[in-house]
Amino acid sequence: MTDHRWNHYADHRSARQIDDLLHYGHFIPVGRGLTDTYVATHFPGRTWNDLMEVWKAAGIVVRSTAGGPPRCDVRVKTVHFTDATDFAVEWEDGTVTTS
């Protein structure tokens, strides 16, 4: 097994934390300003767009059906990241993908 140095990354988020954030990607919370408030509270110093760049680069965003918000891929365990060019995804099956 590869020895990964997770402390190299500035942030570490579970699939649940990412999924909770992505729930705010629907037009209703965006339009009401709830998305910006959620990001400021739970991801201080980051923006929605910056985080989405990370998630998309990592390949963990799944579009939901019927116009709902995006979701985190159910196979994700944890994402360690600094930005969209520096990340590692721990998958539930034990594999790791990196930028």
C-alpha atoms as a PDB file:
ATOM      1  CA  MET A   1       0.000   0.000   0.000  1.00  0.00           C
ATOM      2  CA  THR A   2       1.273   3.458  -0.861  1.00  0.00           C
ATOM      3  CA  ASP A   3       2.169   5.759   2.011  1.00  0.00           C
ATOM      4  CA  HIS A   4       0.255   8.954   1.323  1.00  0.00           C
ATOM      5  CA  ARG A   5       1.171  12.162   3.110  1.00  0.00           C
ATOM      6  CA  TRP A   6      -2.244  13.720   3.669  1.00  0.00           C
ATOM      7  CA  ASN A   7      -0.796  16.621   5.671  1.00  0.00           C
ATOM      8  CA  HIS A   8       0.646  17.959   2.393  1.00  0.00           C
ATOM      9  CA  TYR A   9      -2.867  19.158   1.512  1.00  0.00           C
ATOM     10  CA  ALA A  10      -4.515  22.270   2.952  1.00  0.00           C
ATOM     11  CA  ASP A  11      -7.972  20.708   3.387  1.00  0.00           C
ATOM     12  CA  HIS A  12      -9.547  17.290   3.922  1.00  0.00           C
ATOM     13  CA  ARG A  13     -13.241  16.594   3.373  1.00  0.00           C
ATOM     14  CA  SER A  14     -15.347  13.476   3.671  1.00  0.00           C
ATOM     15  CA  ALA A  15     -17.772  12.454   0.970  1.00  0.00           C
ATOM     16  CA  ARG A  16     -20.603  13.435   3.328  1.00  0.00           C
ATOM     17  CA  GLN A  17     -19.235  16.969   3.771  1.00  0.00           C
ATOM     18  CA  ILE A  18     -18.867  17.355   0.013  1.00  0.00           C
ATOM     19  CA  ASP A  19     -22.345  15.974  -0.618  1.00  0.00           C
ATOM     20  CA  ASP A  20     -23.798  18.379   1.959  1.00  0.00           C
ATOM     21  CA  LEU A  21     -22.110  21.256   0.133  1.00  0.00           C
ATOM     22  CA  LEU A  22     -23.265  20.077  -3.294  1.00  0.00           C
ATOM     23  CA  HIS A  23     -26.855  20.102  -2.025  1.00  0.00           C
ATOM     24  CA  TYR A  24     -26.517  23.903  -2.119  1.00  0.00           C
ATOM     25  CA  GLY A  25     -25.759  23.761  -5.862  1.00  0.00           C
ATOM     26  CA  HIS A  26     -29.434  23.937  -6.763  1.00  0.00           C
ATOM     27  CA  PHE A  27     -30.847  27.202  -8.139  1.00  0.00           C
ATOM     28  CA  ILE A  28     -33.117  27.797  -5.122  1.00  0.00           C
ATOM     29  CA  PRO A  29     -30.391  28.053  -2.431  1.00  0.00           C
ATOM     30  CA  VAL A  30     -28.102  29.850  -4.893  1.00  0.00           C
ATOM     31  CA  GLY A  31     -30.801  32.429  -5.651  1.00  0.00           C
ATOM     32  CA  ARG A  32     -31.543  32.992  -1.962  1.00  0.00           C
ATOM     33  CA  GLY A  33     -27.885  33.487  -1.021  1.00  0.00           C
ATOM     34  CA  LEU A  34     -27.828  30.327   1.081  1.00  0.00           C
ATOM     35  CA  THR A  35     -24.994  28.781  -0.914  1.00  0.00           C
ATOM     36  CA  ASP A  36     -22.571  31.627  -0.211  1.00  0.00           C
ATOM     37  CA  THR A  37     -23.478  31.545   3.482  1.00  0.00           C
ATOM     38  CA  TYR A  38     -22.950  27.780   3.670  1.00  0.00           C
ATOM     39  CA  VAL A  39     -19.566  27.992   1.942  1.00  0.00           C
ATOM     40  CA  ALA A  40     -18.426  30.869   4.185  1.00  0.00           C
ATOM     41  CA  THR A  41     -19.438  28.929   7.307  1.00  0.00           C
ATOM     42  CA  HIS A  42     -18.210  25.435   6.413  1.00  0.00           C
ATOM     43  CA  PHE A  43     -15.372  26.187   3.968  1.00  0.00           C
ATOM     44  CA  PRO A  44     -13.866  29.470   5.255  1.00  0.00           C
ATOM     45  CA  GLY A  45     -11.605  31.239   2.793  1.00  0.00           C
ATOM     46  CA  ARG A  46     -13.004  29.319  -0.169  1.00  0.00           C
ATOM     47  CA  THR A  47     -15.639  30.065  -2.791  1.00  0.00           C
ATOM     48  CA  TRP A  48     -18.252  27.866  -4.421  1.00  0.00           C
ATOM     49  CA  ASN A  49     -16.508  28.170  -7.790  1.00  0.00           C
ATOM     50  CA  ASP A  50     -13.082  27.275  -6.391  1.00  0.00           C
ATOM     51  CA  LEU A  51     -14.495  24.204  -4.663  1.00  0.00           C
ATOM     52  CA  MET A  52     -16.368  23.105  -7.783  1.00  0.00           C
ATOM     53  CA  GLU A  53     -13.118  23.335  -9.751  1.00  0.00           C
ATOM     54  CA  VAL A  54     -11.535  20.936  -7.245  1.00  0.00           C
ATOM     55  CA  TRP A  55     -14.453  18.489  -7.302  1.00  0.00           C
ATOM     56  CA  LYS A  56     -14.645  18.507 -11.108  1.00  0.00           C
ATOM     57  CA  ALA A  57     -10.880  18.080 -11.538  1.00  0.00           C
ATOM     58  CA  ALA A  58     -11.032  15.187  -9.069  1.00  0.00           C
ATOM     59  CA  GLY A  59     -13.894  13.600 -11.032  1.00  0.00           C
ATOM     60  CA  ILE A  60     -16.216  13.191  -8.066  1.00  0.00           C
ATOM     61  CA  VAL A  61     -19.259  15.227  -9.148  1.00  0.00           C
ATOM     62  CA  VAL A  62     -22.291  13.310 -10.367  1.00  0.00           C
ATOM     63  CA  ARG A  63     -25.240  15.152 -11.885  1.00  0.00           C
ATOM     64  CA  SER A  64     -28.513  14.218 -10.253  1.00  0.00           C
ATOM     65  CA  THR A  65     -31.663  13.559 -12.166  1.00  0.00           C
ATOM     66  CA  ALA A  66     -34.674  15.783 -12.729  1.00  0.00           C
ATOM     67  CA  GLY A  67     -32.887  19.092 -12.181  1.00  0.00           C
ATOM     68  CA  GLY A  68     -31.721  18.390  -8.655  1.00  0.00           C
ATOM     69  CA  PRO A  69     -28.370  19.468  -7.242  1.00  0.00           C
ATOM     70  CA  PRO A  70     -25.163  17.617  -8.115  1.00  0.00           C
ATOM     71  CA  ARG A  71     -24.005  14.822  -5.806  1.00  0.00           C
ATOM     72  CA  CYS A  72     -20.693  13.404  -4.660  1.00  0.00           C
ATOM     73  CA  ASP A  73     -19.856  10.044  -6.229  1.00  0.00           C
ATOM     74  CA  VAL A  74     -20.921   7.372  -3.719  1.00  0.00           C
ATOM     75  CA  ARG A  75     -17.558   5.622  -4.136  1.00  0.00           C
ATOM     76  CA  VAL A  76     -15.639   8.552  -2.578  1.00  0.00           C
ATOM     77  CA  LYS A  77     -14.321   8.234   0.974  1.00  0.00           C
ATOM     78  CA  THR A  78     -12.282  11.443   1.410  1.00  0.00           C
ATOM     79  CA  VAL A  79     -10.839  14.214  -0.738  1.00  0.00           C
ATOM     80  CA  HIS A  80      -7.584  15.861   0.339  1.00  0.00           C
ATOM     81  CA  PHE A  81      -6.872  19.082  -1.542  1.00  0.00           C
ATOM     82  CA  THR A  82      -5.179  22.429  -1.758  1.00  0.00           C
ATOM     83  CA  ASP A  83      -6.717  23.521  -5.056  1.00  0.00           C
ATOM     84  CA  ALA A  84      -7.861  22.099  -8.407  1.00  0.00           C
ATOM     85  CA  THR A  85      -4.280  21.235  -9.341  1.00  0.00           C
ATOM     86  CA  ASP A  86      -3.272  19.595  -6.062  1.00  0.00           C
ATOM     87  CA  PHE A  87      -5.611  16.918  -4.710  1.00  0.00           C
ATOM     88  CA  ALA A  88      -5.955  13.247  -3.812  1.00  0.00           C
ATOM     89  CA  VAL A  89      -9.153  11.220  -3.723  1.00  0.00           C
ATOM     90  CA  GLU A  90      -9.439   8.237  -1.383  1.00  0.00           C
ATOM     91  CA  TRP A  91     -12.026   5.844  -2.775  1.00  0.00           C
ATOM     92  CA  GLU A  92     -14.050   3.395  -0.674  1.00  0.00           C
ATOM     93  CA  ASP A  93     -12.282   0.450  -2.361  1.00  0.00           C
ATOM     94  CA  GLY A  94      -8.929   1.683  -1.013  1.00  0.00           C
ATOM     95  CA  THR A  95      -7.557   3.121  -4.237  1.00  0.00           C
ATOM     96  CA  VAL A  96      -6.247   6.665  -4.422  1.00  0.00           C
ATOM     97  CA  THR A  97      -6.190   9.010  -7.398  1.00  0.00           C
ATOM     98  CA  THR A  98      -4.082  12.149  -7.400  1.00  0.00           C
ATOM     99  CA  SER A  99      -3.723  15.248  -9.529  1.00  0.00           C
END
